[in-house]
Amino acid sequence: MTSETPGKGRPTPKRKDSESKRIVSSLAPVVTKDQKRAAKLASRADRVASRTAYLRGDENALPARDRGPERRFARNYVDSRRSIGEYFLPIIFVVLVLTLIPIAAVQFSAIALMYLVLLVAVIDGIFLSRKIRAQVSEKFPNSITKGLGMYAWLRSTQMRRLRAPKPQIKVGDSFN
């Protein structure tokens, strides 16, 4: 008795051919230049619209750190007043120019001015933080005020024109 196994009836495929059938093409679908250009323009328009909404202060366009009525209240409170912190950057520029003068008394005075403004800005930030947290907890009971004081102080140290979202009220205006 001879036991002969029947053949499979076809040649063994080459490894290259077997692997090429298994691998799914990782290339993106074929897209024309016009389609790419249109997608790029649409993406740019979406970004511009989103940025405009963010600067305007639309709630749905704001990142998580700026959302909520408590943060809006803090922004409006900070924007309704002037603080020394918003003048810190221009003062630093003046200090830089004054330190270039080769007179020791002028240089020392400039550095002292910088540290004085920094100290006043930090003290103002501490009082601002405490006041904001107290007013928010009074106006919005059961709301979390963690990080709200720092948020308000950091906003108060930015120059008014560079704040984002843009200030929605003028200095001295009342708000609710």
C-alpha atoms as a PDB file:
ATOM      1  CA  MET A   1       0.000   0.000   0.000  1.00  0.00           C
ATOM      2  CA  THR A   2       1.372   3.231  -1.047  1.00  0.00           C
ATOM      3  CA  SER A   3      -0.051   6.284   0.437  1.00  0.00           C
ATOM      4  CA  GLU A   4       0.501   9.198  -1.799  1.00  0.00           C
ATOM      5  CA  THR A   5      -0.910  12.569  -0.845  1.00  0.00           C
ATOM      6  CA  PRO A   6      -2.528  14.417  -3.619  1.00  0.00           C
ATOM      7  CA  GLY A   7      -0.933  17.752  -4.612  1.00  0.00           C
ATOM      8  CA  LYS A   8      -2.676  21.010  -4.148  1.00  0.00           C
ATOM      9  CA  GLY A   9      -2.841  21.525  -7.864  1.00  0.00           C
ATOM     10  CA  ARG A  10      -1.072  24.895  -7.957  1.00  0.00           C
ATOM     11  CA  PRO A  11       2.397  26.240  -7.305  1.00  0.00           C
ATOM     12  CA  THR A  12       3.259  27.785  -3.948  1.00  0.00           C
ATOM     13  CA  PRO A  13       2.974  31.559  -4.238  1.00  0.00           C
ATOM     14  CA  LYS A  14       6.029  33.705  -3.797  1.00  0.00           C
ATOM     15  CA  ARG A  15       6.378  35.408  -0.400  1.00  0.00           C
ATOM     16  CA  LYS A  16       6.318  38.850  -2.044  1.00  0.00           C
ATOM     17  CA  ASP A  17       2.943  38.105  -3.642  1.00  0.00           C
ATOM     18  CA  SER A  18       1.408  36.749  -0.407  1.00  0.00           C
ATOM     19  CA  GLU A  19       2.539  39.738   1.657  1.00  0.00           C
ATOM     20  CA  SER A  20       1.330  42.239  -0.913  1.00  0.00           C
ATOM     21  CA  LYS A  21      -2.182  40.742  -0.686  1.00  0.00           C
ATOM     22  CA  ARG A  22      -2.221  41.005   3.124  1.00  0.00           C
ATOM     23  CA  ILE A  23      -0.927  44.555   3.446  1.00  0.00           C
ATOM     24  CA  VAL A  24      -3.575  47.213   3.153  1.00  0.00           C
ATOM     25  CA  SER A  25      -2.388  50.262   1.330  1.00  0.00           C
ATOM     26  CA  SER A  26      -1.542  53.013   3.794  1.00  0.00           C
ATOM     27  CA  LEU A  27      -1.726  55.674   1.139  1.00  0.00           C
ATOM     28  CA  ALA A  28      -4.485  58.259   1.362  1.00  0.00           C
ATOM     29  CA  PRO A  29      -7.151  58.197  -1.292  1.00  0.00           C
ATOM     30  CA  VAL A  30      -6.267  59.901  -4.496  1.00  0.00           C
ATOM     31  CA  VAL A  31      -7.007  63.604  -4.152  1.00  0.00           C
ATOM     32  CA  THR A  32      -6.558  66.211  -6.821  1.00  0.00           C
ATOM     33  CA  LYS A  33      -4.720  69.464  -6.304  1.00  0.00           C
ATOM     34  CA  ASP A  34      -7.975  71.388  -6.532  1.00  0.00           C
ATOM     35  CA  GLN A  35      -9.514  69.255  -3.778  1.00  0.00           C
ATOM     36  CA  LYS A  36      -6.453  69.806  -1.573  1.00  0.00           C
ATOM     37  CA  ARG A  37      -6.576  73.553  -2.210  1.00  0.00           C
ATOM     38  CA  ALA A  38     -10.316  73.681  -1.415  1.00  0.00           C
ATOM     39  CA  ALA A  39      -9.809  71.679   1.788  1.00  0.00           C
ATOM     40  CA  LYS A  40      -6.978  73.977   2.831  1.00  0.00           C
ATOM     41  CA  LEU A  41      -9.089  77.086   2.224  1.00  0.00           C
ATOM     42  CA  ALA A  42     -12.021  75.591   4.129  1.00  0.00           C
ATOM     43  CA  SER A  43      -9.743  74.686   7.028  1.00  0.00           C
ATOM     44  CA  ARG A  44      -8.305  78.204   7.104  1.00  0.00           C
ATOM     45  CA  ALA A  45     -11.799  79.736   7.036  1.00  0.00           C
ATOM     46  CA  ASP A  46     -12.830  77.489   9.949  1.00  0.00           C
ATOM     47  CA  ARG A  47      -9.759  78.531  11.955  1.00  0.00           C
ATOM     48  CA  VAL A  48     -10.380  82.225  11.275  1.00  0.00           C
ATOM     49  CA  ALA A  49     -14.048  81.914  12.262  1.00  0.00           C
ATOM     50  CA  SER A  50     -13.120  79.993  15.415  1.00  0.00           C
ATOM     51  CA  ARG A  51     -10.485  82.571  16.410  1.00  0.00           C
ATOM     52  CA  THR A  52     -12.886  85.446  15.782  1.00  0.00           C
ATOM     53  CA  ALA A  53     -15.524  83.770  17.957  1.00  0.00           C
ATOM     54  CA  TYR A  54     -12.896  83.176  20.664  1.00  0.00           C
ATOM     55  CA  LEU A  55     -11.761  86.792  20.656  1.00  0.00           C
ATOM     56  CA  ARG A  56     -15.389  87.933  20.724  1.00  0.00           C
ATOM     57  CA  GLY A  57     -15.933  85.795  23.816  1.00  0.00           C
ATOM     58  CA  ASP A  58     -18.522  83.338  22.469  1.00  0.00           C
ATOM     59  CA  GLU A  59     -18.933  80.726  25.178  1.00  0.00           C
ATOM     60  CA  ASN A  60     -18.852  77.726  22.809  1.00  0.00           C
ATOM     61  CA  ALA A  61     -15.612  78.926  21.185  1.00  0.00           C
ATOM     62  CA  LEU A  62     -13.726  79.418  24.460  1.00  0.00           C
ATOM     63  CA  PRO A  63     -11.246  76.845  25.754  1.00  0.00           C
ATOM     64  CA  ALA A  64     -12.115  75.112  29.039  1.00  0.00           C
ATOM     65  CA  ARG A  65      -9.998  77.507  31.109  1.00  0.00           C
ATOM     66  CA  ASP A  66     -12.116  80.503  29.990  1.00  0.00           C
ATOM     67  CA  ARG A  67     -15.581  78.930  30.111  1.00  0.00           C
ATOM     68  CA  GLY A  68     -18.324  79.537  32.615  1.00  0.00           C
ATOM     69  CA  PRO A  69     -20.122  82.446  34.217  1.00  0.00           C
ATOM     70  CA  GLU A  70     -17.530  82.675  36.997  1.00  0.00           C
ATOM     71  CA  ARG A  71     -14.676  83.192  34.535  1.00  0.00           C
ATOM     72  CA  ARG A  72     -16.741  85.719  32.554  1.00  0.00           C
ATOM     73  CA  PHE A  73     -17.405  87.608  35.792  1.00  0.00           C
ATOM     74  CA  ALA A  74     -13.686  87.571  36.651  1.00  0.00           C
ATOM     75  CA  ARG A  75     -12.771  88.817  33.158  1.00  0.00           C
ATOM     76  CA  ASN A  76     -15.322  91.614  33.340  1.00  0.00           C
ATOM     77  CA  TYR A  77     -14.183  92.591  36.829  1.00  0.00           C
ATOM     78  CA  VAL A  78     -10.553  92.757  35.744  1.00  0.00           C
ATOM     79  CA  ASP A  79     -11.424  94.622  32.531  1.00  0.00           C
ATOM     80  CA  SER A  80     -13.492  97.220  34.416  1.00  0.00           C
ATOM     81  CA  ARG A  81     -10.462  98.493  36.333  1.00  0.00           C
ATOM     82  CA  ARG A  82      -6.908  99.533  35.701  1.00  0.00           C
ATOM     83  CA  SER A  83      -4.019  97.778  37.400  1.00  0.00           C
ATOM     84  CA  ILE A  84      -0.290  98.348  37.602  1.00  0.00           C
ATOM     85  CA  GLY A  85       0.293  94.884  36.157  1.00  0.00           C
ATOM     86  CA  GLU A  86      -0.925  95.861  32.696  1.00  0.00           C
ATOM     87  CA  TYR A  87       1.792  98.543  32.567  1.00  0.00           C
ATOM     88  CA  PHE A  88       4.548  96.194  33.708  1.00  0.00           C
ATOM     89  CA  LEU A  89       5.797  95.319  30.205  1.00  0.00           C
ATOM     90  CA  PRO A  90       6.115  98.949  29.041  1.00  0.00           C
ATOM     91  CA  ILE A  91       7.814  99.820  32.335  1.00  0.00           C
ATOM     92  CA  ILE A  92      10.301  96.980  31.810  1.00  0.00           C
ATOM     93  CA  PHE A  93      11.087  98.412  28.372  1.00  0.00           C
ATOM     94  CA  VAL A  94      11.763 101.822  29.942  1.00  0.00           C
ATOM     95  CA  VAL A  95      13.940 100.156  32.590  1.00  0.00           C
ATOM     96  CA  LEU A  96      15.893  98.392  29.847  1.00  0.00           C
ATOM     97  CA  VAL A  97      16.564 101.687  28.091  1.00  0.00           C
ATOM     98  CA  LEU A  98      17.514 103.392  31.362  1.00  0.00           C
ATOM     99  CA  THR A  99      20.019 100.655  32.242  1.00  0.00           C
ATOM    100  CA  LEU A 100      21.889 101.451  29.025  1.00  0.00           C
ATOM    101  CA  ILE A 101      22.760 104.897  30.414  1.00  0.00           C
ATOM    102  CA  PRO A 102      26.261 104.657  31.914  1.00  0.00           C
ATOM    103  CA  ILE A 103      25.335 106.459  35.154  1.00  0.00           C
ATOM    104  CA  ALA A 104      25.147 104.147  38.155  1.00  0.00           C
ATOM    105  CA  ALA A 105      22.444 106.152  39.931  1.00  0.00           C
ATOM    106  CA  VAL A 106      20.154 105.998  36.882  1.00  0.00           C
ATOM    107  CA  GLN A 107      20.737 102.270  36.447  1.00  0.00           C
ATOM    108  CA  PHE A 108      20.099 101.594  40.132  1.00  0.00           C
ATOM    109  CA  SER A 109      16.936 103.706  40.074  1.00  0.00           C
ATOM    110  CA  ALA A 110      15.681 101.865  36.996  1.00  0.00           C
ATOM    111  CA  ILE A 111      16.215  98.463  38.608  1.00  0.00           C
ATOM    112  CA  ALA A 112      14.597  99.697  41.832  1.00  0.00           C
ATOM    113  CA  LEU A 113      11.615 100.929  39.789  1.00  0.00           C
ATOM    114  CA  MET A 114      11.267  97.525  38.148  1.00  0.00           C
ATOM    115  CA  TYR A 115      11.254  95.686  41.487  1.00  0.00           C
ATOM    116  CA  LEU A 116       8.878  98.230  43.011  1.00  0.00           C
ATOM    117  CA  VAL A 117       6.395  97.798  40.160  1.00  0.00           C
ATOM    118  CA  LEU A 118       6.729  94.012  40.419  1.00  0.00           C
ATOM    119  CA  LEU A 119       6.061  94.121  44.165  1.00  0.00           C
ATOM    120  CA  VAL A 120       3.033  96.398  43.719  1.00  0.00           C
ATOM    121  CA  ALA A 121       1.703  94.116  40.946  1.00  0.00           C
ATOM    122  CA  VAL A 122       2.029  91.038  43.182  1.00  0.00           C
ATOM    123  CA  ILE A 123       0.312  92.788  46.104  1.00  0.00           C
ATOM    124  CA  ASP A 124      -2.431  94.008  43.766  1.00  0.00           C
ATOM    125  CA  GLY A 125      -2.797  90.444  42.479  1.00  0.00           C
ATOM    126  CA  ILE A 126      -3.208  89.070  45.996  1.00  0.00           C
ATOM    127  CA  PHE A 127      -5.936  91.586  46.852  1.00  0.00           C
ATOM    128  CA  LEU A 128      -7.589  91.124  43.448  1.00  0.00           C
ATOM    129  CA  SER A 129      -7.590  87.354  43.887  1.00  0.00           C
ATOM    130  CA  ARG A 130      -9.203  87.540  47.313  1.00  0.00           C
ATOM    131  CA  LYS A 131     -11.824  90.031  46.162  1.00  0.00           C
ATOM    132  CA  ILE A 132     -12.712  88.053  43.028  1.00  0.00           C
ATOM    133  CA  ARG A 133     -13.103  84.798  44.955  1.00  0.00           C
ATOM    134  CA  ALA A 134     -15.282  86.491  47.587  1.00  0.00           C
ATOM    135  CA  GLN A 135     -17.519  88.148  44.999  1.00  0.00           C
ATOM    136  CA  VAL A 136     -17.828  84.998  42.886  1.00  0.00           C
ATOM    137  CA  SER A 137     -18.765  82.857  45.884  1.00  0.00           C
ATOM    138  CA  GLU A 138     -21.359  85.497  46.823  1.00  0.00           C
ATOM    139  CA  LYS A 139     -22.779  85.876  43.315  1.00  0.00           C
ATOM    140  CA  PHE A 140     -22.504  82.198  42.297  1.00  0.00           C
ATOM    141  CA  PRO A 141     -23.059  80.062  45.404  1.00  0.00           C
ATOM    142  CA  ASN A 142     -21.828  76.469  45.220  1.00  0.00           C
ATOM    143  CA  SER A 143     -19.365  77.332  42.464  1.00  0.00           C
ATOM    144  CA  ILE A 144     -15.743  76.269  42.572  1.00  0.00           C
ATOM    145  CA  THR A 145     -13.349  79.196  42.915  1.00  0.00           C
ATOM    146  CA  LYS A 146     -10.146  77.172  42.715  1.00  0.00           C
ATOM    147  CA  GLY A 147      -7.742  78.858  40.298  1.00  0.00           C
ATOM    148  CA  LEU A 148     -10.056  81.821  39.729  1.00  0.00           C
ATOM    149  CA  GLY A 149      -7.877  84.290  41.612  1.00  0.00           C
ATOM    150  CA  MET A 150      -4.782  83.346  39.612  1.00  0.00           C
ATOM    151  CA  TYR A 151      -6.822  83.519  36.404  1.00  0.00           C
ATOM    152  CA  ALA A 152      -7.923  87.071  37.255  1.00  0.00           C
ATOM    153  CA  TRP A 153      -4.451  88.172  38.328  1.00  0.00           C
ATOM    154  CA  LEU A 154      -2.785  86.817  35.179  1.00  0.00           C
ATOM    155  CA  ARG A 155      -5.394  88.610  33.063  1.00  0.00           C
ATOM    156  CA  SER A 156      -4.731  91.832  34.977  1.00  0.00           C
ATOM    157  CA  THR A 157      -1.016  91.597  34.159  1.00  0.00           C
ATOM    158  CA  GLN A 158      -1.663  91.485  30.401  1.00  0.00           C
ATOM    159  CA  MET A 159      -1.769  94.699  28.437  1.00  0.00           C
ATOM    160  CA  ARG A 160      -5.409  95.511  27.709  1.00  0.00           C
ATOM    161  CA  ARG A 161      -5.028  95.381  23.907  1.00  0.00           C
ATOM    162  CA  LEU A 162      -3.401  91.939  24.052  1.00  0.00           C
ATOM    163  CA  ARG A 163      -5.993  90.228  26.247  1.00  0.00           C
ATOM    164  CA  ALA A 164      -7.847  87.263  24.830  1.00  0.00           C
ATOM    165  CA  PRO A 165     -10.798  87.047  24.802  1.00  0.00           C
ATOM    166  CA  LYS A 166     -11.020  90.780  24.132  1.00  0.00           C
ATOM    167  CA  PRO A 167     -12.363  92.959  26.942  1.00  0.00           C
ATOM    168  CA  GLN A 168     -16.122  93.308  26.568  1.00  0.00           C
ATOM    169  CA  ILE A 169     -16.508  96.316  28.858  1.00  0.00           C
ATOM    170  CA  LYS A 170     -14.634  99.593  29.195  1.00  0.00           C
ATOM    171  CA  VAL A 171     -12.602 100.725  32.175  1.00  0.00           C
ATOM    172  CA  GLY A 172     -14.918 102.197  34.817  1.00  0.00           C
ATOM    173  CA  ASP A 173     -18.093 100.567  33.466  1.00  0.00           C
ATOM    174  CA  SER A 174     -20.285  98.602  35.820  1.00  0.00           C
ATOM    175  CA  PHE A 175     -21.318  95.058  34.957  1.00  0.00           C
ATOM    176  CA  ASN A 176     -23.327  92.153  36.282  1.00  0.00           C
END
